[in-house]
Amino acid sequence: MGRSFSDYDESDVRVRPGKGSRPRSKQRPAHKDAEFGLVVAKDRGRWGVVLDTGARLQCTRARELKRTSIEVGDRVGVVGDTSGDKDTLARIVKRADRTSVLRRTADDTDPYERIIVANAELMLIVVAAADPPPRTGFVERALIAAFVGGVTPVVCVTKTDLADPSDFERELDAMGVDVLRTGVEDGVERLRERIAGRVSALIGHSGVGKSTLVNRIVPEADRETGAVSGVGKGRHTSTQSVALEVPGGGWIIDTPGIRSFGLAHVAPEEIVEVFPDLAEAAERCPRGCTHLGPPADPECAWDELDPDSPVGRRAAAVRGLLAALHSNNDWELKQLDEDR
């Protein structure tokens, strides 16, 4: 005999849960089978990765990584089709801890940090001895980014056949920064020895000979070079960062030409801490001292240092870095970069 309506209760009701009511697990796949490699290129949601096995892949970022930044120079774990065959696409599922990060902001008022390169051991700052002349303001800012990012800076001077860069070299010597004259073959050979087996980031204004230098280090790179305009400004010939394998071992990461180097993410104390002898002297400074010297800080302990001693020369050079950091007007910064 059939059941009447009054014979049913709530236990007879079958309700299918909606998608939003299904419990979600916080556990993510371990991906123990992931193969590791180096990110060598990044372009519109795709990453080029060279695995430790030598295979070259095109990859997407796995959903579980969400907004985790993945930059050129990162070590990543990859799953999926890792054959490297044409039209295959693998997934990046892990990012290894970074050993260093080179950052900049668009200007000194921009709170958003942009990562230029991850895991670089050396920052190769390329400047021209002439046409255009060395822009000290840009070099100072690049040095700050290297120091606070845990990267060793090396200044590469091109076009040394056009001018003598000795005065410029002396300014950097006080900070212990190596300068290589890469406008001659001897300097290029020294650079090859320095970068062998390492990951190096190459930065510089457009028109200083950056791409030409890359082509001398990695002949098969065939990076596009451009002439300097009549007003001393180069044409931007690199549009995105790319890691190039150096013959004999190592990687050199060529970055796009940079016109300004904002440092909103850097505190003055971070610069001073890079130089232990100056940090020790700064302990005798009054509270709130900026170490810029008179008239801003008439009681700065650095003024007691012998100006002809190594530490005294270093203090004078580092004051230039601090002055660059304390300049907050974006228009003035860009003019400083252009004029110096």
Protein backbone atom coordinates (compact mmCIF):
# COMPACT_ATOMS: atom_id res chain seq x y z
CA MET A 1 0.00 0.00 0.00
CA GLY A 2 1.31 3.42 -0.89
CA ARG A 3 2.45 5.96 1.69
CA SER A 4 0.41 9.09 2.29
CA PHE A 5 1.98 12.55 2.50
CA SER A 6 1.70 12.47 6.31
CA ASP A 7 3.92 9.36 6.42
CA TYR A 8 7.03 11.33 5.24
CA ASP A 9 9.40 13.20 7.59
CA GLU A 10 12.70 15.09 7.20
CA SER A 11 14.70 11.85 7.15
CA ASP A 12 13.16 11.03 3.79
CA VAL A 13 14.45 14.25 2.17
CA ARG A 14 17.55 13.96 -0.01
CA VAL A 15 19.31 17.26 -0.57
CA ARG A 16 22.30 17.51 -2.89
CA PRO A 17 24.83 19.96 -1.44
CA GLY A 18 25.75 22.90 -3.62
CA LYS A 19 29.32 23.50 -4.72
CA GLY A 20 29.74 26.25 -2.18
CA SER A 21 28.87 23.98 0.73
CA ARG A 22 31.42 21.28 0.01
CA PRO A 23 34.21 21.22 2.56
CA ARG A 24 37.57 22.33 1.20
CA SER A 25 40.80 20.71 2.21
CA LYS A 26 43.65 23.04 3.15
CA GLN A 27 46.14 20.41 2.16
CA ARG A 28 47.91 20.91 -1.14
CA PRO A 29 49.71 18.31 -3.25
CA ALA A 30 53.33 17.79 -2.15
CA HIS A 31 54.50 17.42 -5.75
CA LYS A 32 57.42 15.25 -4.67
CA ASP A 33 57.98 14.40 -8.32
CA ALA A 34 58.62 18.04 -9.29
CA GLU A 35 61.73 18.70 -11.36
CA PHE A 36 63.70 21.85 -10.57
CA GLY A 37 65.15 24.43 -12.88
CA LEU A 38 65.87 28.12 -13.47
CA VAL A 39 63.37 30.70 -14.71
CA VAL A 40 65.05 32.28 -17.74
CA ALA A 41 62.18 34.33 -19.20
CA LYS A 42 58.79 35.78 -18.25
CA ASP A 43 56.14 37.08 -20.63
CA ARG A 44 52.38 37.57 -20.13
CA GLY A 45 51.58 34.66 -17.86
CA ARG A 46 54.15 32.30 -19.32
CA TRP A 47 57.56 31.44 -17.94
CA GLY A 48 60.53 29.91 -19.71
CA VAL A 49 62.32 27.39 -17.49
CA VAL A 50 65.56 25.48 -18.07
CA LEU A 51 65.53 22.31 -16.00
CA ASP A 52 68.66 20.98 -14.33
CA THR A 53 68.48 18.18 -16.90
CA GLY A 54 68.89 20.76 -19.68
CA ALA A 55 65.32 20.58 -21.00
CA ARG A 56 63.78 23.95 -21.91
CA LEU A 57 60.10 24.35 -21.07
CA GLN A 58 57.22 26.74 -21.39
CA CYS A 59 55.27 26.88 -18.12
CA THR A 60 52.20 28.32 -16.46
CA ARG A 61 51.85 28.99 -12.72
CA ALA A 62 49.84 26.43 -10.76
CA ARG A 63 46.60 27.67 -9.20
CA GLU A 64 47.80 26.91 -5.67
CA LEU A 65 50.63 29.43 -6.03
CA LYS A 66 47.99 32.15 -6.51
CA ARG A 67 49.81 35.49 -6.59
CA THR A 68 53.24 34.17 -5.63
CA SER A 69 55.69 36.19 -7.71
CA ILE A 70 57.90 34.22 -10.05
CA GLU A 71 60.73 36.19 -11.59
CA VAL A 72 63.68 35.59 -13.86
CA GLY A 73 66.38 33.98 -11.73
CA ASP A 74 63.98 32.05 -9.48
CA ARG A 75 64.53 28.36 -8.83
CA VAL A 76 61.22 26.57 -9.38
CA GLY A 77 59.73 23.08 -9.24
CA VAL A 78 57.82 21.97 -12.33
CA VAL A 79 55.37 19.13 -13.01
CA GLY A 80 53.42 17.95 -16.03
CA ASP A 81 54.92 17.55 -19.48
CA THR A 82 58.61 18.24 -18.86
CA SER A 83 59.80 16.85 -22.18
CA GLY A 84 60.36 20.28 -23.66
CA ASP A 85 58.70 19.17 -26.90
CA LYS A 86 57.08 21.76 -29.14
CA ASP A 87 53.63 23.03 -28.02
CA THR A 88 53.91 21.39 -24.57
CA LEU A 89 53.12 23.29 -21.39
CA ALA A 90 54.24 22.39 -17.86
CA ARG A 91 53.16 23.87 -14.49
CA ILE A 92 55.28 25.67 -11.90
CA VAL A 93 54.19 24.29 -8.51
CA LYS A 94 57.03 25.37 -6.21
CA ARG A 95 59.37 28.32 -5.76
CA ALA A 96 62.56 27.79 -3.79
CA ASP A 97 63.64 30.27 -1.12
CA ARG A 98 65.48 33.23 -2.62
CA THR A 99 69.08 34.02 -1.73
CA SER A 100 68.83 37.64 -2.92
CA VAL A 101 66.34 40.01 -4.53
CA LEU A 102 67.01 43.12 -6.58
CA ARG A 103 64.11 45.54 -6.18
CA ARG A 104 63.18 49.02 -7.26
CA THR A 105 60.15 51.27 -7.20
CA ALA A 106 59.04 53.43 -10.11
CA ASP A 107 60.00 56.48 -8.04
CA ASP A 108 60.59 57.45 -4.43
CA THR A 109 56.89 58.02 -3.75
CA ASP A 110 55.72 54.67 -5.14
CA PRO A 111 54.96 52.13 -2.38
CA TYR A 112 54.89 49.20 -4.80
CA GLU A 113 58.16 47.29 -5.08
CA ARG A 114 59.09 45.72 -8.39
CA ILE A 115 61.44 42.77 -8.37
CA ILE A 116 63.98 43.04 -11.15
CA VAL A 117 65.86 39.78 -10.66
CA ALA A 118 65.88 36.98 -8.08
CA ASN A 119 68.90 35.04 -6.78
CA ALA A 120 71.57 37.11 -8.52
CA GLU A 121 75.05 36.92 -7.00
CA LEU A 122 76.44 39.88 -8.95
CA MET A 123 74.89 43.11 -10.21
CA LEU A 124 76.74 44.34 -13.29
CA ILE A 125 76.08 48.08 -13.56
CA VAL A 126 76.93 49.19 -17.08
CA VAL A 127 77.88 52.82 -17.73
CA ALA A 128 79.60 54.50 -20.66
CA ALA A 129 82.74 56.62 -20.27
CA ALA A 130 81.19 58.99 -22.81
CA ASP A 131 78.24 59.32 -25.20
CA PRO A 132 76.41 59.37 -22.80
CA PRO A 133 78.76 60.22 -19.89
CA PRO A 134 78.48 58.30 -16.58
CA ARG A 135 75.29 59.23 -14.71
CA THR A 136 76.46 59.13 -11.13
CA GLY A 137 72.95 59.51 -9.71
CA PHE A 138 71.80 56.31 -11.39
CA VAL A 139 74.92 54.40 -10.34
CA GLU A 140 74.47 55.49 -6.71
CA ARG A 141 70.90 54.23 -6.70
CA ALA A 142 71.85 50.94 -8.33
CA LEU A 143 74.58 50.47 -5.71
CA ILE A 144 72.03 51.01 -2.93
CA ALA A 145 69.72 48.38 -4.43
CA ALA A 146 72.64 45.94 -4.67
CA PHE A 147 73.89 46.54 -1.13
CA VAL A 148 70.50 46.15 0.56
CA GLY A 149 69.54 43.24 -1.72
CA GLY A 150 72.55 41.15 -0.73
CA VAL A 151 74.12 41.33 -4.20
CA THR A 152 77.75 42.22 -5.00
CA PRO A 153 77.94 45.19 -7.40
CA VAL A 154 80.48 45.39 -10.23
CA VAL A 155 80.61 48.51 -12.43
CA CYS A 156 81.38 47.87 -16.10
CA VAL A 157 82.60 50.93 -18.03
CA THR A 158 82.12 50.78 -21.80
CA LYS A 159 83.35 53.14 -24.54
CA THR A 160 86.64 53.73 -22.73
CA ASP A 161 88.20 54.60 -26.08
CA LEU A 162 86.18 57.84 -26.03
CA ALA A 163 87.12 59.13 -22.56
CA ASP A 164 89.24 58.34 -19.49
CA PRO A 165 87.02 57.15 -16.61
CA SER A 166 89.72 57.47 -13.91
CA ASP A 167 87.91 60.16 -11.90
CA PHE A 168 84.71 58.13 -11.95
CA GLU A 169 86.60 55.01 -10.84
CA ARG A 170 88.10 56.82 -7.83
CA GLU A 171 84.63 57.74 -6.58
CA LEU A 172 83.70 54.04 -6.42
CA ASP A 173 87.02 52.75 -5.10
CA ALA A 174 86.33 54.20 -1.63
CA MET A 175 83.28 51.94 -1.30
CA GLY A 176 85.22 48.86 -2.34
CA VAL A 177 83.27 48.52 -5.59
CA ASP A 178 85.14 46.80 -8.42
CA VAL A 179 85.28 48.69 -11.72
CA LEU A 180 86.09 46.89 -14.97
CA ARG A 181 86.88 48.70 -18.20
CA THR A 182 84.89 46.49 -20.52
CA GLY A 183 85.52 48.74 -23.50
CA VAL A 184 88.73 46.74 -24.08
CA GLU A 185 89.23 43.01 -24.51
CA ASP A 186 91.29 42.71 -21.32
CA GLY A 187 88.37 44.09 -19.31
CA VAL A 188 85.91 41.76 -21.02
CA GLU A 189 88.13 38.78 -20.22
CA ARG A 190 88.29 39.81 -16.55
CA LEU A 191 84.49 40.08 -16.57
CA ARG A 192 84.18 36.59 -18.04
CA GLU A 193 86.33 35.24 -15.19
CA ARG A 194 84.26 37.13 -12.62
CA ILE A 195 80.88 35.85 -13.76
CA ALA A 196 81.89 32.25 -14.50
CA GLY A 197 79.58 29.83 -12.71
CA ARG A 198 77.45 32.62 -11.20
CA VAL A 199 74.09 34.27 -11.80
CA SER A 200 74.67 37.92 -12.74
CA ALA A 201 72.13 40.67 -13.38
CA LEU A 202 73.04 43.29 -15.97
CA ILE A 203 71.48 46.76 -15.67
CA GLY A 204 72.09 50.14 -17.23
CA HIS A 205 70.60 53.07 -19.09
CA SER A 206 69.78 52.56 -22.74
CA GLY A 207 72.57 53.52 -25.10
CA VAL A 208 75.50 52.68 -22.79
CA GLY A 209 76.47 49.56 -24.73
CA LYS A 210 74.75 46.99 -22.54
CA SER A 211 73.53 44.79 -25.39
CA THR A 212 76.90 45.05 -27.12
CA LEU A 213 78.57 43.81 -23.94
CA VAL A 214 76.12 40.90 -23.69
CA ASN A 215 76.90 39.90 -27.27
CA ARG A 216 80.61 39.84 -26.45
CA ILE A 217 80.03 37.61 -23.42
CA VAL A 218 77.40 35.39 -25.06
CA PRO A 219 77.97 35.61 -28.85
CA GLU A 220 74.96 33.46 -29.72
CA ALA A 221 72.66 35.79 -27.74
CA ASP A 222 72.41 38.18 -30.71
CA ARG A 223 70.89 40.93 -28.56
CA GLU A 224 69.68 43.91 -30.59
CA THR A 225 71.86 47.01 -30.30
CA GLY A 226 70.81 50.59 -30.90
CA ALA A 227 72.52 53.88 -31.63
CA VAL A 228 72.56 56.82 -29.22
CA SER A 229 70.38 59.74 -30.26
CA GLY A 230 71.66 63.24 -30.78
CA VAL A 231 70.70 64.20 -27.23
CA GLY A 232 72.69 61.39 -25.65
CA LYS A 233 69.78 59.06 -24.95
CA GLY A 234 69.80 55.50 -26.18
CA ARG A 235 66.99 53.67 -27.87
CA HIS A 236 65.49 50.96 -25.64
CA THR A 237 66.67 47.74 -27.29
CA SER A 238 65.78 45.24 -24.51
CA THR A 239 62.10 45.01 -23.62
CA GLN A 240 62.10 42.26 -21.00
CA SER A 241 64.52 40.44 -18.71
CA VAL A 242 66.00 37.24 -20.05
CA ALA A 243 68.64 34.88 -18.64
CA LEU A 244 71.36 33.85 -21.07
CA GLU A 245 73.66 30.89 -20.47
CA VAL A 246 77.31 31.91 -20.33
CA PRO A 247 79.76 29.67 -22.21
CA GLY A 248 81.70 27.71 -19.62
CA GLY A 249 79.00 28.01 -16.95
CA GLY A 250 76.82 30.61 -15.26
CA TRP A 251 73.95 32.85 -16.33
CA ILE A 252 73.77 36.52 -17.20
CA ILE A 253 70.34 38.17 -16.88
CA ASP A 254 69.92 41.04 -19.31
CA THR A 255 67.32 43.53 -18.07
CA PRO A 256 65.45 46.25 -19.99
CA GLY A 257 67.00 49.72 -20.06
CA ILE A 258 66.09 51.55 -16.83
CA ARG A 259 65.63 55.32 -16.81
CA SER A 260 65.07 55.83 -13.05
CA PHE A 261 65.64 53.79 -9.92
CA GLY A 262 63.17 54.53 -7.13
CA LEU A 263 64.17 53.50 -3.63
CA ALA A 264 61.00 53.89 -1.57
CA HIS A 265 61.60 50.42 -0.10
CA VAL A 266 65.03 51.29 1.37
CA ALA A 267 65.75 52.79 4.81
CA PRO A 268 68.99 54.79 5.35
CA GLU A 269 70.00 52.45 8.18
CA GLU A 270 70.16 49.56 5.72
CA ILE A 271 72.88 51.34 3.75
CA VAL A 272 74.97 52.23 6.80
CA GLU A 273 74.81 48.64 8.06
CA VAL A 274 76.51 47.45 4.88
CA PHE A 275 79.73 49.17 6.02
CA PRO A 276 80.70 47.93 9.53
CA ASP A 277 83.31 50.66 10.13
CA LEU A 278 80.79 53.41 9.34
CA ALA A 279 78.09 51.72 11.40
CA GLU A 280 80.47 51.64 14.37
CA ALA A 281 81.26 55.35 13.95
CA ALA A 282 77.53 56.12 13.62
CA GLU A 283 76.96 54.83 17.16
CA ARG A 284 78.51 58.09 18.40
CA CYS A 285 76.08 60.21 16.38
CA PRO A 286 73.16 62.01 18.05
CA ARG A 287 69.77 60.37 17.80
CA GLY A 288 68.09 60.96 14.46
CA CYS A 289 71.34 61.78 12.64
CA THR A 290 71.02 61.30 8.86
CA HIS A 291 74.83 61.29 8.38
CA LEU A 292 74.54 63.84 5.60
CA GLY A 293 76.91 66.20 7.41
CA PRO A 294 76.65 69.99 7.80
CA PRO A 295 74.37 71.84 7.70
CA ALA A 296 71.79 69.04 8.07
CA ASP A 297 73.76 67.18 10.78
CA PRO A 298 76.44 69.42 12.30
CA GLU A 299 77.25 66.85 15.04
CA CYS A 300 77.63 63.77 12.83
CA ALA A 301 80.44 61.56 14.12
CA TRP A 302 81.58 60.86 10.59
CA ASP A 303 82.95 64.43 10.48
CA GLU A 304 85.55 63.33 13.05
CA LEU A 305 87.01 60.79 10.64
CA ASP A 306 90.25 61.60 8.83
CA PRO A 307 89.07 62.57 5.33
CA ASP A 308 92.25 61.12 3.80
CA SER A 309 91.88 57.73 5.52
CA PRO A 310 90.09 54.81 3.85
CA VAL A 311 87.16 55.06 6.27
CA GLY A 312 86.97 58.83 5.79
CA ARG A 313 86.86 58.49 2.01
CA ARG A 314 84.26 55.78 2.40
CA ALA A 315 82.11 58.05 4.59
CA ALA A 316 82.21 60.75 1.93
CA ALA A 317 81.21 58.26 -0.77
CA VAL A 318 78.40 56.75 1.30
CA ARG A 319 77.07 60.23 2.02
CA GLY A 320 76.50 60.48 -1.71
CA LEU A 321 74.35 57.35 -1.52
CA LEU A 322 72.41 58.71 1.45
CA ALA A 323 71.88 62.03 -0.32
CA ALA A 324 70.45 60.15 -3.30
CA LEU A 325 68.13 58.26 -0.97
CA HIS A 326 66.95 61.39 0.86
CA SER A 327 65.95 63.16 -2.36
CA ASN A 328 62.17 62.61 -2.58
CA ASN A 329 60.98 64.62 -5.54
CA ASP A 330 60.44 62.37 -8.56
CA TRP A 331 61.02 65.13 -11.11
CA GLU A 332 64.30 66.07 -9.43
CA LEU A 333 65.34 62.43 -9.34
CA LYS A 334 64.86 62.00 -13.05
CA GLN A 335 66.69 65.25 -13.77
CA LEU A 336 69.49 64.08 -11.48
CA ASP A 337 69.75 60.81 -13.37
CA GLU A 338 69.77 62.62 -16.68
CA ASP A 339 72.24 65.37 -15.75
CA ARG A 340 74.83 63.62 -13.59
